[in-house]
Amino acid sequence: MKKYKWILILLNLIGLLVYFNFSISKKEQILKDGKLVLLELAPVDPRSLMQGDYMTLSYAIASDVMDQRIPKKGYCVVKLDSNMVAKRVRFQKKKTPLAQGEYAIEYSAPKSWNVKIGAESYFFQEGEAAKYEKAKYGGVHINQHGNSVLIGLYNEKLKLIK
């Protein structure tokens, strides 16, 4: 019986490692092939803006949805301006239809007023909070399936904050 116990533990460990590596490779593929989109950051309560060495993010395209009936999961359809800044067009349940120049970003809305698009926190080194306080945009790469990966924060001049 002990022999089977260790085989089961080993198989579970291998399965976990395969799943973990697969999810990493999917994110790396988005980073490599995804389209850069800048999402304007919505104002956040300054008392909770900086908590330790991370910043809570809220996106302008996900705000002002209290009066809309949106699906709990779906896609936020955006159009990009000449600076690659996304402007919300609509929310929809499925990825398609999309018009020319529109992109879909997957979202979830656990509560009707709280839409979550991608990363909701940005982590940075301790002591560097002042550098990120004035961030105006969150830069994300999105793929054709609507998946997104946060790559960094950008200032009002559309420059990556390093």
N, C-alpha and C. Protein backbone atom coordinates (compact mmCIF):
# COMPACT_ATOMS: atom_id res chain seq x y z
N MET A 1 0.82 -1.20 0.00
CA MET A 1 0.00 0.00 0.00
C MET A 1 0.86 1.26 0.00
N LYS A 2 1.99 1.23 0.72
CA LYS A 2 2.87 2.38 0.77
C LYS A 2 3.44 2.72 -0.61
N LYS A 3 3.70 1.67 -1.40
CA LYS A 3 4.26 1.87 -2.73
C LYS A 3 3.28 2.65 -3.61
N TYR A 4 1.99 2.30 -3.55
CA TYR A 4 0.97 2.98 -4.35
C TYR A 4 0.78 4.43 -3.90
N LYS A 5 0.92 4.64 -2.61
CA LYS A 5 0.78 5.99 -2.07
C LYS A 5 1.84 6.91 -2.68
N TRP A 6 3.07 6.47 -2.77
CA TRP A 6 4.14 7.28 -3.33
C TRP A 6 3.98 7.46 -4.84
N ILE A 7 3.45 6.46 -5.51
CA ILE A 7 3.20 6.59 -6.95
C ILE A 7 2.12 7.63 -7.20
N LEU A 8 1.06 7.61 -6.39
CA LEU A 8 0.00 8.62 -6.52
C LEU A 8 0.52 10.03 -6.24
N ILE A 9 1.32 10.16 -5.22
CA ILE A 9 1.91 11.47 -4.89
C ILE A 9 2.78 11.95 -6.05
N LEU A 10 3.60 11.06 -6.60
CA LEU A 10 4.47 11.41 -7.72
C LEU A 10 3.66 11.80 -8.96
N LEU A 11 2.60 11.06 -9.27
CA LEU A 11 1.75 11.37 -10.42
C LEU A 11 1.06 12.73 -10.24
N ASN A 12 0.58 13.01 -9.03
CA ASN A 12 -0.03 14.31 -8.76
C ASN A 12 0.98 15.44 -8.91
N LEU A 13 2.17 15.22 -8.43
CA LEU A 13 3.23 16.23 -8.54
C LEU A 13 3.57 16.48 -10.00
N ILE A 14 3.70 15.43 -10.79
CA ILE A 14 3.99 15.58 -12.22
C ILE A 14 2.85 16.32 -12.92
N GLY A 15 1.61 15.95 -12.60
CA GLY A 15 0.46 16.64 -13.18
C GLY A 15 0.45 18.12 -12.85
N LEU A 16 0.76 18.46 -11.61
CA LEU A 16 0.82 19.85 -11.19
C LEU A 16 1.90 20.61 -11.93
N LEU A 17 3.07 20.01 -12.07
CA LEU A 17 4.17 20.66 -12.79
C LEU A 17 3.83 20.86 -14.27
N VAL A 18 3.18 19.89 -14.89
CA VAL A 18 2.79 20.03 -16.30
C VAL A 18 1.79 21.17 -16.44
N TYR A 19 0.79 21.23 -15.57
CA TYR A 19 -0.20 22.31 -15.62
C TYR A 19 0.46 23.67 -15.40
N PHE A 20 1.35 23.77 -14.43
CA PHE A 20 2.03 25.01 -14.11
C PHE A 20 2.86 25.48 -15.30
N ASN A 21 3.63 24.58 -15.91
CA ASN A 21 4.45 24.94 -17.06
C ASN A 21 3.60 25.33 -18.27
N PHE A 22 2.46 24.66 -18.45
CA PHE A 22 1.56 24.99 -19.55
C PHE A 22 1.01 26.40 -19.38
N SER A 23 0.59 26.76 -18.17
CA SER A 23 0.05 28.10 -17.95
C SER A 23 1.13 29.17 -18.14
N ILE A 24 2.36 28.87 -17.75
CA ILE A 24 3.46 29.81 -17.97
C ILE A 24 3.71 30.00 -19.46
N SER A 25 3.69 28.91 -20.21
CA SER A 25 3.95 29.02 -21.65
C SER A 25 2.84 29.80 -22.35
N LYS A 26 1.59 29.69 -21.88
CA LYS A 26 0.49 30.48 -22.46
C LYS A 26 0.72 31.96 -22.22
N LYS A 27 1.13 32.32 -21.02
CA LYS A 27 1.40 33.73 -20.71
C LYS A 27 2.57 34.26 -21.51
N GLU A 28 3.62 33.45 -21.66
CA GLU A 28 4.78 33.86 -22.45
C GLU A 28 4.39 34.07 -23.92
N GLN A 29 3.48 33.25 -24.42
CA GLN A 29 3.01 33.40 -25.80
C GLN A 29 2.25 34.71 -25.97
N ILE A 30 1.44 35.08 -24.98
CA ILE A 30 0.73 36.35 -25.03
C ILE A 30 1.73 37.51 -25.02
N LEU A 31 2.76 37.40 -24.18
CA LEU A 31 3.77 38.45 -24.13
C LEU A 31 4.50 38.59 -25.46
N LYS A 32 4.75 37.47 -26.11
CA LYS A 32 5.51 37.46 -27.36
C LYS A 32 4.66 37.95 -28.54
N ASP A 33 3.43 37.44 -28.66
CA ASP A 33 2.61 37.70 -29.84
C ASP A 33 1.46 38.67 -29.60
N GLY A 34 1.21 39.04 -28.35
CA GLY A 34 0.04 39.87 -28.04
C GLY A 34 0.18 41.30 -28.51
N LYS A 35 -0.95 41.96 -28.63
CA LYS A 35 -1.02 43.36 -29.05
C LYS A 35 -0.95 44.24 -27.81
N LEU A 36 -0.07 45.26 -27.85
CA LEU A 36 0.04 46.18 -26.72
C LEU A 36 -1.16 47.12 -26.71
N VAL A 37 -1.82 47.19 -25.58
CA VAL A 37 -2.97 48.07 -25.37
C VAL A 37 -2.73 48.79 -24.06
N LEU A 38 -2.95 50.10 -24.07
CA LEU A 38 -2.84 50.89 -22.84
C LEU A 38 -4.23 51.12 -22.28
N LEU A 39 -4.43 50.70 -21.04
CA LEU A 39 -5.71 50.88 -20.36
C LEU A 39 -5.56 52.01 -19.36
N GLU A 40 -6.40 53.04 -19.52
CA GLU A 40 -6.34 54.16 -18.59
C GLU A 40 -6.74 53.69 -17.20
N LEU A 41 -5.96 54.11 -16.22
CA LEU A 41 -6.25 53.72 -14.84
C LEU A 41 -7.30 54.66 -14.27
N ALA A 42 -8.27 54.09 -13.60
CA ALA A 42 -9.31 54.87 -12.94
C ALA A 42 -8.78 55.31 -11.58
N PRO A 43 -9.30 56.42 -11.08
CA PRO A 43 -8.86 56.86 -9.74
C PRO A 43 -9.17 55.80 -8.69
N VAL A 44 -8.25 55.67 -7.75
CA VAL A 44 -8.41 54.73 -6.65
C VAL A 44 -8.31 55.53 -5.36
N ASP A 45 -9.01 55.11 -4.35
CA ASP A 45 -8.94 55.77 -3.05
C ASP A 45 -7.48 55.89 -2.63
N PRO A 46 -6.97 57.12 -2.45
CA PRO A 46 -5.55 57.29 -2.13
C PRO A 46 -5.12 56.60 -0.84
N ARG A 47 -6.07 56.40 0.08
CA ARG A 47 -5.69 55.74 1.33
C ARG A 47 -5.37 54.27 1.09
N SER A 48 -5.91 53.68 0.00
CA SER A 48 -5.62 52.28 -0.25
C SER A 48 -4.78 52.09 -1.51
N LEU A 49 -4.32 53.22 -2.09
CA LEU A 49 -3.54 53.14 -3.33
C LEU A 49 -2.25 52.36 -3.11
N MET A 50 -1.55 52.70 -2.07
CA MET A 50 -0.29 52.03 -1.78
C MET A 50 -0.43 51.21 -0.51
N GLN A 51 -0.24 49.94 -0.65
CA GLN A 51 -0.34 49.07 0.51
C GLN A 51 0.88 48.15 0.47
N GLY A 52 1.88 48.53 1.21
CA GLY A 52 3.11 47.74 1.18
C GLY A 52 3.84 47.98 -0.12
N ASP A 53 4.17 46.95 -0.83
CA ASP A 53 4.92 47.09 -2.08
C ASP A 53 4.11 46.64 -3.28
N TYR A 54 2.83 47.00 -3.29
CA TYR A 54 2.00 46.79 -4.47
C TYR A 54 0.95 47.88 -4.57
N MET A 55 0.42 48.04 -5.76
CA MET A 55 -0.59 49.05 -6.02
C MET A 55 -1.85 48.35 -6.53
N THR A 56 -2.99 48.73 -5.98
CA THR A 56 -4.26 48.22 -6.47
C THR A 56 -4.63 48.98 -7.73
N LEU A 57 -4.97 48.25 -8.80
CA LEU A 57 -5.30 48.88 -10.08
C LEU A 57 -6.80 48.81 -10.35
N SER A 58 -7.30 49.86 -10.94
CA SER A 58 -8.67 49.91 -11.41
C SER A 58 -8.63 50.58 -12.77
N TYR A 59 -9.37 50.05 -13.73
CA TYR A 59 -9.29 50.55 -15.10
C TYR A 59 -10.52 51.37 -15.46
N ALA A 60 -10.30 52.45 -16.20
CA ALA A 60 -11.39 53.34 -16.60
C ALA A 60 -12.42 52.61 -17.47
N ILE A 61 -11.98 51.67 -18.31
CA ILE A 61 -12.94 50.97 -19.19
C ILE A 61 -13.87 50.07 -18.40
N ALA A 62 -13.51 49.78 -17.15
CA ALA A 62 -14.33 48.91 -16.31
C ALA A 62 -15.18 49.70 -15.32
N SER A 63 -15.14 51.02 -15.40
CA SER A 63 -15.91 51.83 -14.46
C SER A 63 -17.24 52.25 -15.08
N ASP A 64 -18.10 52.80 -14.27
CA ASP A 64 -19.42 53.28 -14.70
C ASP A 64 -20.26 52.19 -15.35
N VAL A 65 -20.36 51.04 -14.71
CA VAL A 65 -21.18 49.95 -15.26
C VAL A 65 -22.38 49.62 -14.38
N MET A 66 -22.60 50.40 -13.34
CA MET A 66 -23.69 50.09 -12.41
C MET A 66 -25.05 50.11 -13.08
N ASP A 67 -25.23 50.98 -14.07
CA ASP A 67 -26.54 51.09 -14.71
C ASP A 67 -26.70 50.14 -15.90
N GLN A 68 -25.68 49.37 -16.21
CA GLN A 68 -25.73 48.44 -17.34
C GLN A 68 -25.97 47.02 -16.84
N ARG A 69 -26.67 46.25 -17.62
CA ARG A 69 -26.83 44.82 -17.34
C ARG A 69 -25.80 44.09 -18.17
N ILE A 70 -24.77 43.60 -17.51
CA ILE A 70 -23.72 42.90 -18.24
C ILE A 70 -23.62 41.47 -17.73
N PRO A 71 -23.17 40.55 -18.59
CA PRO A 71 -22.99 39.17 -18.15
C PRO A 71 -21.90 39.08 -17.08
N LYS A 72 -21.97 38.06 -16.24
CA LYS A 72 -20.96 37.87 -15.19
C LYS A 72 -19.57 37.60 -15.78
N LYS A 73 -19.54 36.97 -16.94
CA LYS A 73 -18.28 36.73 -17.66
C LYS A 73 -18.52 37.09 -19.10
N GLY A 74 -17.52 37.65 -19.72
CA GLY A 74 -17.66 38.03 -21.12
C GLY A 74 -16.44 38.79 -21.60
N TYR A 75 -16.71 39.70 -22.53
CA TYR A 75 -15.63 40.45 -23.17
C TYR A 75 -15.96 41.93 -23.18
N CYS A 76 -14.97 42.73 -22.85
CA CYS A 76 -15.07 44.17 -22.97
C CYS A 76 -14.47 44.50 -24.34
N VAL A 77 -15.28 45.04 -25.22
CA VAL A 77 -14.82 45.37 -26.56
C VAL A 77 -14.29 46.80 -26.53
N VAL A 78 -13.07 46.98 -27.03
CA VAL A 78 -12.42 48.29 -27.03
C VAL A 78 -11.95 48.65 -28.43
N LYS A 79 -11.78 49.95 -28.63
CA LYS A 79 -11.15 50.48 -29.83
C LYS A 79 -9.95 51.27 -29.37
N LEU A 80 -8.89 51.26 -30.16
CA LEU A 80 -7.67 51.95 -29.79
C LEU A 80 -7.56 53.28 -30.52
N ASP A 81 -7.11 54.29 -29.80
CA ASP A 81 -6.85 55.56 -30.46
C ASP A 81 -5.44 55.53 -31.06
N SER A 82 -4.97 56.64 -31.57
CA SER A 82 -3.66 56.67 -32.24
C SER A 82 -2.50 56.41 -31.29
N ASN A 83 -2.73 56.55 -29.98
CA ASN A 83 -1.68 56.30 -28.98
C ASN A 83 -1.77 54.91 -28.38
N MET A 84 -2.63 54.04 -28.92
CA MET A 84 -2.85 52.68 -28.43
C MET A 84 -3.61 52.66 -27.10
N VAL A 85 -4.29 53.75 -26.76
CA VAL A 85 -5.09 53.81 -25.54
C VAL A 85 -6.49 53.27 -25.86
N ALA A 86 -6.95 52.32 -25.05
CA ALA A 86 -8.24 51.66 -25.28
C ALA A 86 -9.39 52.52 -24.78
N LYS A 87 -10.44 52.58 -25.59
CA LYS A 87 -11.70 53.22 -25.22
C LYS A 87 -12.78 52.15 -25.30
N ARG A 88 -13.58 52.02 -24.24
CA ARG A 88 -14.62 50.99 -24.22
C ARG A 88 -15.72 51.30 -25.24
N VAL A 89 -16.10 50.24 -25.98
CA VAL A 89 -17.20 50.34 -26.92
C VAL A 89 -18.45 49.69 -26.32
N ARG A 90 -18.28 48.46 -25.79
CA ARG A 90 -19.41 47.74 -25.22
C ARG A 90 -18.92 46.51 -24.47
N PHE A 91 -19.83 45.90 -23.73
CA PHE A 91 -19.61 44.60 -23.12
C PHE A 91 -20.44 43.59 -23.89
N GLN A 92 -19.91 42.39 -24.08
CA GLN A 92 -20.69 41.34 -24.73
C GLN A 92 -20.29 39.99 -24.16
N LYS A 93 -21.21 39.03 -24.28
CA LYS A 93 -21.01 37.70 -23.70
C LYS A 93 -19.97 36.89 -24.46
N LYS A 94 -19.98 36.96 -25.79
CA LYS A 94 -19.05 36.18 -26.61
C LYS A 94 -18.00 37.08 -27.24
N LYS A 95 -16.91 36.46 -27.67
CA LYS A 95 -15.80 37.22 -28.24
C LYS A 95 -16.18 37.90 -29.55
N THR A 96 -17.06 37.30 -30.31
CA THR A 96 -17.47 37.89 -31.57
C THR A 96 -18.94 38.29 -31.46
N PRO A 97 -19.42 39.24 -32.20
CA PRO A 97 -18.82 39.89 -33.35
C PRO A 97 -17.92 41.05 -32.95
N LEU A 98 -16.91 41.29 -33.77
CA LEU A 98 -16.02 42.43 -33.61
C LEU A 98 -15.96 43.18 -34.94
N ALA A 99 -16.06 44.49 -34.88
CA ALA A 99 -15.93 45.31 -36.07
C ALA A 99 -14.44 45.56 -36.35
N GLN A 100 -14.17 46.12 -37.49
CA GLN A 100 -12.78 46.47 -37.86
C GLN A 100 -12.18 47.38 -36.79
N GLY A 101 -11.00 47.04 -36.30
CA GLY A 101 -10.31 47.87 -35.32
C GLY A 101 -10.76 47.67 -33.89
N GLU A 102 -11.63 46.71 -33.64
CA GLU A 102 -12.06 46.43 -32.27
C GLU A 102 -11.30 45.23 -31.72
N TYR A 103 -11.09 45.25 -30.42
CA TYR A 103 -10.39 44.16 -29.72
C TYR A 103 -11.23 43.75 -28.51
N ALA A 104 -11.19 42.47 -28.20
CA ALA A 104 -11.95 41.95 -27.06
C ALA A 104 -10.98 41.62 -25.93
N ILE A 105 -11.34 42.03 -24.72
CA ILE A 105 -10.56 41.72 -23.52
C ILE A 105 -11.49 40.98 -22.57
N GLU A 106 -11.09 39.79 -22.16
CA GLU A 106 -11.92 38.97 -21.28
C GLU A 106 -12.05 39.63 -19.91
N TYR A 107 -13.24 39.54 -19.34
CA TYR A 107 -13.48 40.10 -18.01
C TYR A 107 -14.35 39.15 -17.20
N SER A 108 -14.40 39.41 -15.90
CA SER A 108 -15.37 38.75 -15.04
C SER A 108 -15.97 39.82 -14.14
N ALA A 109 -17.22 39.64 -13.79
CA ALA A 109 -17.92 40.61 -12.95
C ALA A 109 -18.61 39.86 -11.82
N PRO A 110 -17.87 39.54 -10.75
CA PRO A 110 -18.48 38.81 -9.65
C PRO A 110 -19.67 39.55 -9.03
N LYS A 111 -19.63 40.87 -9.08
CA LYS A 111 -20.75 41.70 -8.63
C LYS A 111 -21.08 42.63 -9.79
N SER A 112 -22.31 43.03 -9.90
CA SER A 112 -22.72 43.82 -11.06
C SER A 112 -21.98 45.15 -11.19
N TRP A 113 -21.41 45.66 -10.14
CA TRP A 113 -20.72 46.94 -10.19
C TRP A 113 -19.19 46.80 -10.21
N ASN A 114 -18.70 45.57 -10.16
CA ASN A 114 -17.26 45.34 -10.03
C ASN A 114 -16.76 44.47 -11.19
N VAL A 115 -16.22 45.11 -12.22
CA VAL A 115 -15.72 44.40 -13.39
C VAL A 115 -14.20 44.24 -13.24
N LYS A 116 -13.73 43.01 -13.37
CA LYS A 116 -12.30 42.72 -13.25
C LYS A 116 -11.74 42.40 -14.63
N ILE A 117 -10.78 43.21 -15.04
CA ILE A 117 -10.13 43.03 -16.33
C ILE A 117 -8.64 42.80 -16.07
N GLY A 118 -8.20 41.58 -16.25
CA GLY A 118 -6.78 41.29 -16.10
C GLY A 118 -6.27 41.51 -14.69
N ALA A 119 -5.04 41.96 -14.61
CA ALA A 119 -4.37 42.13 -13.32
C ALA A 119 -4.98 43.29 -12.54
N GLU A 120 -5.26 43.04 -11.29
CA GLU A 120 -5.84 44.06 -10.42
C GLU A 120 -4.82 44.61 -9.42
N SER A 121 -3.60 44.09 -9.48
CA SER A 121 -2.53 44.56 -8.59
C SER A 121 -1.23 44.63 -9.38
N TYR A 122 -0.39 45.60 -9.00
CA TYR A 122 0.93 45.73 -9.62
C TYR A 122 1.95 45.74 -8.49
N PHE A 123 2.86 44.79 -8.51
CA PHE A 123 3.86 44.65 -7.46
C PHE A 123 5.17 45.32 -7.90
N PHE A 124 5.84 45.95 -6.96
CA PHE A 124 7.12 46.60 -7.24
C PHE A 124 8.02 46.50 -6.02
N GLN A 125 9.28 46.90 -6.21
CA GLN A 125 10.24 46.80 -5.12
C GLN A 125 9.89 47.77 -4.00
N GLU A 126 10.18 47.35 -2.80
CA GLU A 126 9.92 48.18 -1.63
C GLU A 126 10.69 49.49 -1.75
N GLY A 127 10.02 50.58 -1.42
CA GLY A 127 10.64 51.89 -1.46
C GLY A 127 10.50 52.61 -2.79
N GLU A 128 9.84 52.00 -3.77
CA GLU A 128 9.69 52.62 -5.09
C GLU A 128 8.26 53.08 -5.36
N ALA A 129 7.47 53.25 -4.31
CA ALA A 129 6.07 53.62 -4.47
C ALA A 129 5.91 54.98 -5.15
N ALA A 130 6.75 55.94 -4.80
CA ALA A 130 6.62 57.29 -5.35
C ALA A 130 6.73 57.30 -6.87
N LYS A 131 7.53 56.40 -7.40
CA LYS A 131 7.74 56.33 -8.84
C LYS A 131 6.44 55.93 -9.56
N TYR A 132 5.64 55.08 -8.95
CA TYR A 132 4.44 54.55 -9.59
C TYR A 132 3.16 55.29 -9.23
N GLU A 133 3.21 56.21 -8.27
CA GLU A 133 2.01 56.92 -7.83
C GLU A 133 1.35 57.70 -8.96
N LYS A 134 2.12 58.19 -9.89
CA LYS A 134 1.58 59.02 -10.96
C LYS A 134 1.30 58.24 -12.23
N ALA A 135 1.24 56.94 -12.14
CA ALA A 135 0.95 56.12 -13.32
C ALA A 135 -0.43 56.47 -13.86
N LYS A 136 -0.51 56.59 -15.17
CA LYS A 136 -1.78 56.95 -15.82
C LYS A 136 -2.38 55.78 -16.60
N TYR A 137 -1.53 54.85 -17.05
CA TYR A 137 -2.00 53.74 -17.87
C TYR A 137 -1.38 52.42 -17.40
N GLY A 138 -2.14 51.36 -17.57
CA GLY A 138 -1.62 50.01 -17.41
C GLY A 138 -1.42 49.44 -18.79
N GLY A 139 -0.23 48.96 -19.07
CA GLY A 139 0.05 48.37 -20.38
C GLY A 139 -0.19 46.87 -20.34
N VAL A 140 -1.04 46.38 -21.23
CA VAL A 140 -1.32 44.94 -21.29
C VAL A 140 -1.09 44.45 -22.72
N HIS A 141 -0.70 43.22 -22.81
CA HIS A 141 -0.68 42.53 -24.10
C HIS A 141 -1.93 41.67 -24.13
N ILE A 142 -2.66 41.71 -25.24
CA ILE A 142 -3.85 40.87 -25.39
C ILE A 142 -3.67 39.99 -26.62
N ASN A 143 -4.22 38.79 -26.55
CA ASN A 143 -4.16 37.90 -27.71
C ASN A 143 -5.52 37.84 -28.39
N GLN A 144 -5.61 37.06 -29.46
CA GLN A 144 -6.85 36.98 -30.24
C GLN A 144 -7.99 36.33 -29.49
N HIS A 145 -7.70 35.69 -28.35
CA HIS A 145 -8.75 35.05 -27.54
C HIS A 145 -9.26 35.96 -26.42
N GLY A 146 -8.70 37.17 -26.30
CA GLY A 146 -9.14 38.10 -25.27
C GLY A 146 -8.38 37.97 -23.96
N ASN A 147 -7.39 37.10 -23.90
CA ASN A 147 -6.58 36.96 -22.69
C ASN A 147 -5.59 38.12 -22.62
N SER A 148 -5.30 38.56 -21.41
CA SER A 148 -4.39 39.69 -21.25
C SER A 148 -3.34 39.41 -20.18
N VAL A 149 -2.19 40.08 -20.34
CA VAL A 149 -1.10 40.01 -19.37
C VAL A 149 -0.61 41.44 -19.14
N LEU A 150 -0.59 41.87 -17.89
CA LEU A 150 -0.08 43.20 -17.54
C LEU A 150 1.43 43.19 -17.70
N ILE A 151 1.96 44.17 -18.45
CA ILE A 151 3.42 44.23 -18.64
C ILE A 151 4.07 45.38 -17.89
N GLY A 152 3.28 46.35 -17.46
CA GLY A 152 3.85 47.46 -16.71
C GLY A 152 2.90 48.63 -16.65
N LEU A 153 3.37 49.68 -15.97
CA LEU A 153 2.60 50.91 -15.84
C LEU A 153 3.27 52.00 -16.67
N TYR A 154 2.45 52.88 -17.24
CA TYR A 154 2.93 53.94 -18.11
C TYR A 154 2.53 55.29 -17.54
N ASN A 155 3.35 56.31 -17.83
CA ASN A 155 3.05 57.66 -17.35
C ASN A 155 2.18 58.39 -18.37
N GLU A 156 1.87 59.68 -18.10
CA GLU A 156 1.00 60.46 -18.99
C GLU A 156 1.62 60.70 -20.35
N LYS A 157 2.94 60.53 -20.47
CA LYS A 157 3.62 60.69 -21.77
C LYS A 157 3.73 59.36 -22.51
N LEU A 158 3.01 58.36 -22.03
CA LEU A 158 2.96 57.03 -22.64
C LEU A 158 4.31 56.30 -22.61
N LYS A 159 5.11 56.60 -21.61
CA LYS A 159 6.41 55.95 -21.43
C LYS A 159 6.32 54.93 -20.30
N LEU A 160 6.91 53.78 -20.51
CA LEU A 160 6.93 52.73 -19.49
C LEU A 160 7.72 53.21 -18.29
N ILE A 161 7.12 53.09 -17.10
CA ILE A 161 7.80 53.48 -15.86
C ILE A 161 8.71 52.32 -15.45
N LYS A 162 10.00 52.61 -15.33
CA LYS A 162 10.98 51.57 -14.97
C LYS A 162 11.60 51.87 -13.62
